[in-house]
């Protein structure tokens, strides 16, 4: 049961980073189909109902986590693009900023 839950958590995180929420519909269908096939294939000490519920729940939790990670990475990239580093290349960064400001005003450097 833990294997199904961890696998569906990882799949949910992958889907959350790449696709919209409608991608969960076929993923849930695949989980339910796989759980049904596993229940028919052989008797297990776990019943298929709780396994399916746990797998679908962790898929959705993984989707939310994947969306959150995607948003955090995007926010970090945009904040990094907006700030300038004041290290060794601060002079070139300042020069580029001045060039952009002057070009937007119609002047030249």
Foldseek 3Di string as FASTA:
>chain_A
DVVLLVVLLQVLLVCLQPHDPVVLVVVLVVLLVVLVVVVVVDDDPDHSVVSSVSNSVSSPVSNVVNNVVNVVVVVVVVVVVVDDDPDPCVVVVVVVVVQVVQVVVPHHD
